Amino acid sequence: MRDEQVLLNDLYYHHVLGPDRVLKVDGYYGSNTFDDVWSFQKETFGYLSVDGITGPHTWQYLCQSDWASGFTGAYYQDAGCAAVVVIIA
């Protein structure tokens, strides 16, 4: 959960794809984290289901968006992003 909050904060600071606020990185999936996930999903223009839940597709897109924005990954548990393959066409 902390990694998810770090990834969302990275995108917020970089003004990319959705998050509305800086999240407290506490590992708690509260309403602010839900709202930021919802906003992130909404900004993918139909690529992701908008439900506020970080399922596998949202997680992959979150990792890809973070990487594409120039962040390289100082995360608590490597954010599960190490296995994500980014294809740039």
PDB file of N, CA and C in Angstrom:
ATOM      1  N   MET A   1       0.817  -1.192   0.000  1.00  0.00           N
ATOM      2  CA  MET A   1       0.000   0.000   0.000  1.00  0.00           C
ATOM      3  C   MET A   1       0.867   1.264   0.000  1.00  0.00           C
ATOM      4  N   ARG A   2       1.956   1.227   0.740  1.00  0.00           N
ATOM      5  CA  ARG A   2       2.821   2.405   0.760  1.00  0.00           C
ATOM      6  C   ARG A   2       3.382   2.702  -0.620  1.00  0.00           C
ATOM      7  N   ASP A   3       3.762   1.626  -1.339  1.00  0.00           N
ATOM      8  CA  ASP A   3       4.297   1.821  -2.678  1.00  0.00           C
ATOM      9  C   ASP A   3       3.277   2.489  -3.589  1.00  0.00           C
ATOM     10  N   GLU A   4       2.045   2.074  -3.487  1.00  0.00           N
ATOM     11  CA  GLU A   4       0.985   2.678  -4.286  1.00  0.00           C
ATOM     12  C   GLU A   4       0.875   4.172  -3.986  1.00  0.00           C
ATOM     13  N   GLN A   5       0.943   4.524  -2.721  1.00  0.00           N
ATOM     14  CA  GLN A   5       0.865   5.927  -2.335  1.00  0.00           C
ATOM     15  C   GLN A   5       2.079   6.707  -2.845  1.00  0.00           C
ATOM     16  N   VAL A   6       3.256   6.087  -2.821  1.00  0.00           N
ATOM     17  CA  VAL A   6       4.459   6.742  -3.353  1.00  0.00           C
ATOM     18  C   VAL A   6       4.307   6.971  -4.857  1.00  0.00           C
ATOM     19  N   LEU A   7       3.840   5.959  -5.578  1.00  0.00           N
ATOM     20  CA  LEU A   7       3.645   6.095  -7.021  1.00  0.00           C
ATOM     21  C   LEU A   7       2.640   7.198  -7.343  1.00  0.00           C
ATOM     22  N   LEU A   8       1.532   7.235  -6.631  1.00  0.00           N
ATOM     23  CA  LEU A   8       0.531   8.280  -6.848  1.00  0.00           C
ATOM     24  C   LEU A   8       1.103   9.654  -6.525  1.00  0.00           C
ATOM     25  N   ASN A   9       1.886   9.760  -5.459  1.00  0.00           N
ATOM     26  CA  ASN A   9       2.510  11.036  -5.117  1.00  0.00           C
ATOM     27  C   ASN A   9       3.496  11.473  -6.191  1.00  0.00           C
ATOM     28  N   ASP A  10       4.271  10.532  -6.732  1.00  0.00           N
ATOM     29  CA  ASP A  10       5.193  10.866  -7.825  1.00  0.00           C
ATOM     30  C   ASP A  10       4.435  11.511  -8.974  1.00  0.00           C
ATOM     31  N   LEU A  11       3.321  10.909  -9.359  1.00  0.00           N
ATOM     32  CA  LEU A  11       2.536  11.444 -10.468  1.00  0.00           C
ATOM     33  C   LEU A  11       1.925  12.797 -10.114  1.00  0.00           C
ATOM     34  N   TYR A  12       1.515  12.961  -8.869  1.00  0.00           N
ATOM     35  CA  TYR A  12       0.971  14.258  -8.438  1.00  0.00           C
ATOM     36  C   TYR A  12       2.045  15.337  -8.556  1.00  0.00           C
ATOM     37  N   TYR A  13       3.233  15.055  -8.043  1.00  0.00           N
ATOM     38  CA  TYR A  13       4.323  16.043  -8.084  1.00  0.00           C
ATOM     39  C   TYR A  13       4.735  16.362  -9.511  1.00  0.00           C
ATOM     40  N   HIS A  14       4.608  15.381 -10.395  1.00  0.00           N
ATOM     41  CA  HIS A  14       4.996  15.570 -11.791  1.00  0.00           C
ATOM     42  C   HIS A  14       3.827  16.096 -12.631  1.00  0.00           C
ATOM     43  N   HIS A  15       2.675  16.277 -12.004  1.00  0.00           N
ATOM     44  CA  HIS A  15       1.461  16.787 -12.666  1.00  0.00           C
ATOM     45  C   HIS A  15       1.047  15.906 -13.834  1.00  0.00           C
ATOM     46  N   VAL A  16       1.046  14.610 -13.593  1.00  0.00           N
ATOM     47  CA  VAL A  16       0.700  13.647 -14.635  1.00  0.00           C
ATOM     48  C   VAL A  16      -0.466  12.784 -14.158  1.00  0.00           C
ATOM     49  N   LEU A  17      -1.407  12.547 -15.023  1.00  0.00           N
ATOM     50  CA  LEU A  17      -2.439  11.532 -14.837  1.00  0.00           C
ATOM     51  C   LEU A  17      -3.113  11.470 -13.480  1.00  0.00           C
ATOM     52  N   GLY A  18      -3.787  12.497 -13.102  1.00  0.00           N
ATOM     53  CA  GLY A  18      -4.840  12.336 -12.148  1.00  0.00           C
ATOM     54  C   GLY A  18      -4.773  12.631 -10.692  1.00  0.00           C
ATOM     55  N   PRO A  19      -3.801  12.151  -9.918  1.00  0.00           N
ATOM     56  CA  PRO A  19      -3.948  12.313  -8.470  1.00  0.00           C
ATOM     57  C   PRO A  19      -4.239  13.756  -8.073  1.00  0.00           C
ATOM     58  N   ASP A  20      -5.135  13.918  -7.103  1.00  0.00           N
ATOM     59  CA  ASP A  20      -5.623  15.239  -6.710  1.00  0.00           C
ATOM     60  C   ASP A  20      -4.906  15.841  -5.503  1.00  0.00           C
ATOM     61  N   ARG A  21      -4.112  15.042  -4.819  1.00  0.00           N
ATOM     62  CA  ARG A  21      -3.486  15.541  -3.591  1.00  0.00           C
ATOM     63  C   ARG A  21      -2.261  14.701  -3.273  1.00  0.00           C
ATOM     64  N   VAL A  22      -1.417  15.235  -2.397  1.00  0.00           N
ATOM     65  CA  VAL A  22      -0.302  14.455  -1.870  1.00  0.00           C
ATOM     66  C   VAL A  22      -0.860  13.563  -0.767  1.00  0.00           C
ATOM     67  N   LEU A  23      -0.551  12.292  -0.866  1.00  0.00           N
ATOM     68  CA  LEU A  23      -1.033  11.328   0.123  1.00  0.00           C
ATOM     69  C   LEU A  23      -0.016  11.142   1.238  1.00  0.00           C
ATOM     70  N   LYS A  24      -0.511  10.959   2.425  1.00  0.00           N
ATOM     71  CA  LYS A  24       0.342  10.529   3.524  1.00  0.00           C
ATOM     72  C   LYS A  24       0.707   9.073   3.257  1.00  0.00           C
ATOM     73  N   VAL A  25       1.998   8.769   3.233  1.00  0.00           N
ATOM     74  CA  VAL A  25       2.453   7.412   2.942  1.00  0.00           C
ATOM     75  C   VAL A  25       2.433   6.631   4.250  1.00  0.00           C
ATOM     76  N   ASP A  26       1.269   6.019   4.494  1.00  0.00           N
ATOM     77  CA  ASP A  26       1.070   5.324   5.770  1.00  0.00           C
ATOM     78  C   ASP A  26       0.579   3.884   5.591  1.00  0.00           C
ATOM     79  N   GLY A  27       0.364   3.474   4.347  1.00  0.00           N
ATOM     80  CA  GLY A  27      -0.096   2.114   4.108  1.00  0.00           C
ATOM     81  C   GLY A  27      -1.577   1.907   4.354  1.00  0.00           C
ATOM     82  N   TYR A  28      -2.308   2.970   4.625  1.00  0.00           N
ATOM     83  CA  TYR A  28      -3.735   2.880   4.908  1.00  0.00           C
ATOM     84  C   TYR A  28      -4.516   3.273   3.653  1.00  0.00           C
ATOM     85  N   TYR A  29      -5.398   2.397   3.180  1.00  0.00           N
ATOM     86  CA  TYR A  29      -6.195   2.667   1.982  1.00  0.00           C
ATOM     87  C   TYR A  29      -7.471   3.387   2.399  1.00  0.00           C
ATOM     88  N   GLY A  30      -7.314   4.651   2.687  1.00  0.00           N
ATOM     89  CA  GLY A  30      -8.450   5.455   3.114  1.00  0.00           C
ATOM     90  C   GLY A  30      -9.092   6.186   1.945  1.00  0.00           C
ATOM     91  N   SER A  31      -9.949   7.115   2.260  1.00  0.00           N
ATOM     92  CA  SER A  31     -10.714   7.811   1.225  1.00  0.00           C
ATOM     93  C   SER A  31      -9.826   8.647   0.305  1.00  0.00           C
ATOM     94  N   ASN A  32      -8.745   9.233   0.824  1.00  0.00           N
ATOM     95  CA  ASN A  32      -7.869  10.024  -0.031  1.00  0.00           C
ATOM     96  C   ASN A  32      -7.147   9.147  -1.052  1.00  0.00           C
ATOM     97  N   THR A  33      -6.673   7.978  -0.619  1.00  0.00           N
ATOM     98  CA  THR A  33      -6.023   7.054  -1.548  1.00  0.00           C
ATOM     99  C   THR A  33      -7.036   6.568  -2.579  1.00  0.00           C
ATOM    100  N   PHE A  34      -8.216   6.201  -2.131  1.00  0.00           N
ATOM    101  CA  PHE A  34      -9.281   5.777  -3.043  1.00  0.00           C
ATOM    102  C   PHE A  34      -9.551   6.864  -4.080  1.00  0.00           C
ATOM    103  N   ASP A  35      -9.690   8.110  -3.634  1.00  0.00           N
ATOM    104  CA  ASP A  35      -9.986   9.216  -4.547  1.00  0.00           C
ATOM    105  C   ASP A  35      -8.861   9.433  -5.560  1.00  0.00           C
ATOM    106  N   ASP A  36      -7.610   9.309  -5.121  1.00  0.00           N
ATOM    107  CA  ASP A  36      -6.491   9.484  -6.049  1.00  0.00           C
ATOM    108  C   ASP A  36      -6.430   8.345  -7.063  1.00  0.00           C
ATOM    109  N   VAL A  37      -6.713   7.127  -6.632  1.00  0.00           N
ATOM    110  CA  VAL A  37      -6.757   6.000  -7.573  1.00  0.00           C
ATOM    111  C   VAL A  37      -7.884   6.232  -8.577  1.00  0.00           C
ATOM    112  N   TRP A  38      -9.027   6.641  -8.091  1.00  0.00           N
ATOM    113  CA  TRP A  38     -10.183   6.930  -8.952  1.00  0.00           C
ATOM    114  C   TRP A  38      -9.805   7.991  -9.996  1.00  0.00           C
ATOM    115  N   SER A  39      -9.184   9.074  -9.556  1.00  0.00           N
ATOM    116  CA  SER A  39      -8.791  10.153 -10.466  1.00  0.00           C
ATOM    117  C   SER A  39      -7.767   9.661 -11.486  1.00  0.00           C
ATOM    118  N   PHE A  40      -6.811   8.864 -11.032  1.00  0.00           N
ATOM    119  CA  PHE A  40      -5.810   8.302 -11.934  1.00  0.00           C
ATOM    120  C   PHE A  40      -6.473   7.432 -12.996  1.00  0.00           C
ATOM    121  N   GLN A  41      -7.370   6.565 -12.575  1.00  0.00           N
ATOM    122  CA  GLN A  41      -8.066   5.684 -13.520  1.00  0.00           C
ATOM    123  C   GLN A  41      -8.884   6.492 -14.532  1.00  0.00           C
ATOM    124  N   LYS A  42      -9.536   7.532 -14.047  1.00  0.00           N
ATOM    125  CA  LYS A  42     -10.371   8.362 -14.907  1.00  0.00           C
ATOM    126  C   LYS A  42      -9.539   9.040 -16.000  1.00  0.00           C
ATOM    127  N   GLU A  43      -8.314   9.421 -15.665  1.00  0.00           N
ATOM    128  CA  GLU A  43      -7.448  10.122 -16.606  1.00  0.00           C
ATOM    129  C   GLU A  43      -6.832   9.213 -17.663  1.00  0.00           C
ATOM    130  N   THR A  44      -7.069   7.907 -17.589  1.00  0.00           N
ATOM    131  CA  THR A  44      -6.501   6.996 -18.586  1.00  0.00           C
ATOM    132  C   THR A  44      -7.408   6.847 -19.803  1.00  0.00           C
ATOM    133  N   PHE A  45      -8.492   7.584 -19.828  1.00  0.00           N
ATOM    134  CA  PHE A  45      -9.376   7.669 -20.988  1.00  0.00           C
ATOM    135  C   PHE A  45      -9.822   6.303 -21.502  1.00  0.00           C
ATOM    136  N   GLY A  46     -10.364   5.501 -20.586  1.00  0.00           N
ATOM    137  CA  GLY A  46     -10.946   4.233 -20.962  1.00  0.00           C
ATOM    138  C   GLY A  46     -10.005   3.043 -20.916  1.00  0.00           C
ATOM    139  N   TYR A  47      -8.727   3.274 -20.706  1.00  0.00           N
ATOM    140  CA  TYR A  47      -7.797   2.153 -20.624  1.00  0.00           C
ATOM    141  C   TYR A  47      -8.066   1.319 -19.374  1.00  0.00           C
ATOM    142  N   LEU A  48      -8.456   1.982 -18.286  1.00  0.00           N
ATOM    143  CA  LEU A  48      -8.710   1.298 -17.017  1.00  0.00           C
ATOM    144  C   LEU A  48     -10.168   1.456 -16.607  1.00  0.00           C
ATOM    145  N   SER A  49     -10.681   0.454 -15.914  1.00  0.00           N
ATOM    146  CA  SER A  49     -11.989   0.590 -15.278  1.00  0.00           C
ATOM    147  C   SER A  49     -11.857   1.594 -14.145  1.00  0.00           C
ATOM    148  N   VAL A  50     -12.846   2.452 -14.014  1.00  0.00           N
ATOM    149  CA  VAL A  50     -12.820   3.479 -12.965  1.00  0.00           C
ATOM    150  C   VAL A  50     -13.639   2.969 -11.789  1.00  0.00           C
ATOM    151  N   ASP A  51     -12.920   2.429 -10.788  1.00  0.00           N
ATOM    152  CA  ASP A  51     -13.595   1.888  -9.614  1.00  0.00           C
ATOM    153  C   ASP A  51     -12.878   2.226  -8.307  1.00  0.00           C
ATOM    154  N   GLY A  52     -11.734   2.911  -8.385  1.00  0.00           N
ATOM    155  CA  GLY A  52     -11.000   3.283  -7.180  1.00  0.00           C
ATOM    156  C   GLY A  52     -10.206   2.150  -6.550  1.00  0.00           C
ATOM    157  N   ILE A  53     -10.176   1.002  -7.217  1.00  0.00           N
ATOM    158  CA  ILE A  53      -9.468  -0.163  -6.694  1.00  0.00           C
ATOM    159  C   ILE A  53      -8.229  -0.411  -7.537  1.00  0.00           C
ATOM    160  N   THR A  54      -7.118  -0.668  -6.876  1.00  0.00           N
ATOM    161  CA  THR A  54      -5.877  -0.906  -7.594  1.00  0.00           C
ATOM    162  C   THR A  54      -5.711  -2.394  -7.871  1.00  0.00           C
ATOM    163  N   GLY A  55      -6.362  -2.822  -8.941  1.00  0.00           N
ATOM    164  CA  GLY A  55      -6.212  -4.196  -9.398  1.00  0.00           C
ATOM    165  C   GLY A  55      -4.972  -4.323 -10.274  1.00  0.00           C
ATOM    166  N   PRO A  56      -4.760  -5.485 -10.879  1.00  0.00           N
ATOM    167  CA  PRO A  56      -3.548  -5.720 -11.663  1.00  0.00           C
ATOM    168  C   PRO A  56      -3.349  -4.749 -12.825  1.00  0.00           C
ATOM    169  N   HIS A  57      -4.419  -4.410 -13.545  1.00  0.00           N
ATOM    170  CA  HIS A  57      -4.271  -3.489 -14.679  1.00  0.00           C
ATOM    171  C   HIS A  57      -3.930  -2.079 -14.202  1.00  0.00           C
ATOM    172  N   THR A  58      -4.594  -1.634 -13.149  1.00  0.00           N
ATOM    173  CA  THR A  58      -4.286  -0.309 -12.608  1.00  0.00           C
ATOM    174  C   THR A  58      -2.854  -0.283 -12.095  1.00  0.00           C
ATOM    175  N   TRP A  59      -2.451  -1.333 -11.401  1.00  0.00           N
ATOM    176  CA  TRP A  59      -1.090  -1.401 -10.856  1.00  0.00           C
ATOM    177  C   TRP A  59      -0.062  -1.313 -11.985  1.00  0.00           C
ATOM    178  N   GLN A  60      -0.269  -2.068 -13.064  1.00  0.00           N
ATOM    179  CA  GLN A  60       0.660  -2.053 -14.191  1.00  0.00           C
ATOM    180  C   GLN A  60       0.716  -0.668 -14.824  1.00  0.00           C
ATOM    181  N   TYR A  61      -0.433  -0.059 -15.040  1.00  0.00           N
ATOM    182  CA  TYR A  61      -0.467   1.261 -15.668  1.00  0.00           C
ATOM    183  C   TYR A  61       0.141   2.316 -14.749  1.00  0.00           C
ATOM    184  N   LEU A  62      -0.063   2.172 -13.466  1.00  0.00           N
ATOM    185  CA  LEU A  62       0.530   3.086 -12.493  1.00  0.00           C
ATOM    186  C   LEU A  62       2.058   2.995 -12.553  1.00  0.00           C
ATOM    187  N   CYS A  63       2.580   1.781 -12.591  1.00  0.00           N
ATOM    188  CA  CYS A  63       4.033   1.590 -12.705  1.00  0.00           C
ATOM    189  C   CYS A  63       4.563   2.164 -14.009  1.00  0.00           C
ATOM    190  N   GLN A  64       3.870   1.891 -15.113  1.00  0.00           N
ATOM    191  CA  GLN A  64       4.310   2.395 -16.413  1.00  0.00           C
ATOM    192  C   GLN A  64       4.286   3.919 -16.455  1.00  0.00           C
ATOM    193  N   SER A  65       3.239   4.514 -15.911  1.00  0.00           N
ATOM    194  CA  SER A  65       3.122   5.974 -15.906  1.00  0.00           C
ATOM    195  C   SER A  65       4.203   6.603 -15.058  1.00  0.00           C
ATOM    196  N   ASP A  66       4.499   5.992 -13.931  1.00  0.00           N
ATOM    197  CA  ASP A  66       5.546   6.490 -13.049  1.00  0.00           C
ATOM    198  C   ASP A  66       6.896   6.428 -13.757  1.00  0.00           C
ATOM    199  N   TRP A  67       7.186   5.302 -14.379  1.00  0.00           N
ATOM    200  CA  TRP A  67       8.447   5.127 -15.093  1.00  0.00           C
ATOM    201  C   TRP A  67       8.558   6.116 -16.252  1.00  0.00           C
ATOM    202  N   ALA A  68       7.484   6.267 -17.023  1.00  0.00           N
ATOM    203  CA  ALA A  68       7.483   7.172 -18.171  1.00  0.00           C
ATOM    204  C   ALA A  68       7.652   8.626 -17.753  1.00  0.00           C
ATOM    205  N   SER A  69       7.312   8.928 -16.503  1.00  0.00           N
ATOM    206  CA  SER A  69       7.447  10.290 -15.987  1.00  0.00           C
ATOM    207  C   SER A  69       8.840  10.552 -15.412  1.00  0.00           C
ATOM    208  N   GLY A  70       9.705   9.543 -15.489  1.00  0.00           N
ATOM    209  CA  GLY A  70      11.087   9.746 -15.079  1.00  0.00           C
ATOM    210  C   GLY A  70      11.452   9.247 -13.702  1.00  0.00           C
ATOM    211  N   PHE A  71      10.523   8.620 -13.003  1.00  0.00           N
ATOM    212  CA  PHE A  71      10.831   8.084 -11.685  1.00  0.00           C
ATOM    213  C   PHE A  71      11.385   6.679 -11.829  1.00  0.00           C
ATOM    214  N   THR A  72      12.411   6.378 -11.054  1.00  0.00           N
ATOM    215  CA  THR A  72      13.098   5.100 -11.232  1.00  0.00           C
ATOM    216  C   THR A  72      12.864   4.112 -10.112  1.00  0.00           C
ATOM    217  N   GLY A  73      12.233   4.503  -9.026  1.00  0.00           N
ATOM    218  CA  GLY A  73      11.785   3.508  -8.081  1.00  0.00           C
ATOM    219  C   GLY A  73      12.493   3.378  -6.762  1.00  0.00           C
ATOM    220  N   ALA A  74      12.397   4.356  -5.908  1.00  0.00           N
ATOM    221  CA  ALA A  74      12.828   4.208  -4.519  1.00  0.00           C
ATOM    222  C   ALA A  74      11.584   3.906  -3.705  1.00  0.00           C
ATOM    223  N   TYR A  75      11.164   2.643  -3.751  1.00  0.00           N
ATOM    224  CA  TYR A  75       9.912   2.251  -3.141  1.00  0.00           C
ATOM    225  C   TYR A  75      10.167   1.307  -1.974  1.00  0.00           C
ATOM    226  N   TYR A  76       9.157   1.134  -1.174  1.00  0.00           N
ATOM    227  CA  TYR A  76       9.282   0.274   0.006  1.00  0.00           C
ATOM    228  C   TYR A  76       9.505  -1.183  -0.376  1.00  0.00           C
ATOM    229  N   GLN A  77       8.702  -1.714  -1.280  1.00  0.00           N
ATOM    230  CA  GLN A  77       8.782  -3.127  -1.667  1.00  0.00           C
ATOM    231  C   GLN A  77       9.042  -3.254  -3.164  1.00  0.00           C
ATOM    232  N   ASP A  78       9.761  -2.301  -3.739  1.00  0.00           N
ATOM    233  CA  ASP A  78      10.020  -2.233  -5.177  1.00  0.00           C
ATOM    234  C   ASP A  78       8.731  -2.053  -5.957  1.00  0.00           C
ATOM    235  N   ALA A  79       7.659  -1.766  -5.271  1.00  0.00           N
ATOM    236  CA  ALA A  79       6.362  -1.420  -5.853  1.00  0.00           C
ATOM    237  C   ALA A  79       5.795  -2.450  -6.802  1.00  0.00           C
ATOM    238  N   GLY A  80       6.413  -3.610  -6.862  1.00  0.00           N
ATOM    239  CA  GLY A  80       5.928  -4.599  -7.810  1.00  0.00           C
ATOM    240  C   GLY A  80       6.140  -4.182  -9.250  1.00  0.00           C
ATOM    241  N   CYS A  81       6.905  -3.125  -9.457  1.00  0.00           N
ATOM    242  CA  CYS A  81       7.100  -2.587 -10.799  1.00  0.00           C
ATOM    243  C   CYS A  81       8.254  -3.257 -11.529  1.00  0.00           C
ATOM    244  N   ALA A  82       9.081  -3.985 -10.848  1.00  0.00           N
ATOM    245  CA  ALA A  82      10.246  -4.592 -11.484  1.00  0.00           C
ATOM    246  C   ALA A  82       9.851  -5.545 -12.597  1.00  0.00           C
ATOM    247  N   ALA A  83       8.686  -6.169 -12.480  1.00  0.00           N
ATOM    248  CA  ALA A  83       8.253  -7.137 -13.479  1.00  0.00           C
ATOM    249  C   ALA A  83       7.462  -6.507 -14.610  1.00  0.00           C
ATOM    250  N   VAL A  84       7.255  -5.198 -14.552  1.00  0.00           N
ATOM    251  CA  VAL A  84       6.466  -4.529 -15.572  1.00  0.00           C
ATOM    252  C   VAL A  84       7.347  -4.222 -16.774  1.00  0.00           C
ATOM    253  N   VAL A  85       6.911  -4.634 -17.925  1.00  0.00           N
ATOM    254  CA  VAL A  85       7.631  -4.353 -19.153  1.00  0.00           C
ATOM    255  C   VAL A  85       6.989  -3.145 -19.790  1.00  0.00           C
ATOM    256  N   VAL A  86       7.792  -2.132 -20.089  1.00  0.00           N
ATOM    257  CA  VAL A  86       7.282  -0.920 -20.692  1.00  0.00           C
ATOM    258  C   VAL A  86       7.635  -0.948 -22.167  1.00  0.00           C
ATOM    259  N   ILE A  87       6.630  -0.820 -23.005  1.00  0.00           N
ATOM    260  CA  ILE A  87       6.846  -0.810 -24.437  1.00  0.00           C
ATOM    261  C   ILE A  87       6.557   0.592 -24.945  1.00  0.00           C
ATOM    262  N   ILE A  88       7.544   1.201 -25.551  1.00  0.00           N
ATOM    263  CA  ILE A  88       7.383   2.535 -26.101  1.00  0.00           C
ATOM    264  C   ILE A  88       7.389   2.408 -27.615  1.00  0.00           C
ATOM    265  N   ALA A  89       6.287   2.804 -28.218  1.00  0.00           N
ATOM    266  CA  ALA A  89       6.179   2.673 -29.674  1.00  0.00           C
ATOM    267  C   ALA A  89       6.513   3.989 -30.337  1.00  0.00           C
TER     268      ALA A  89
END
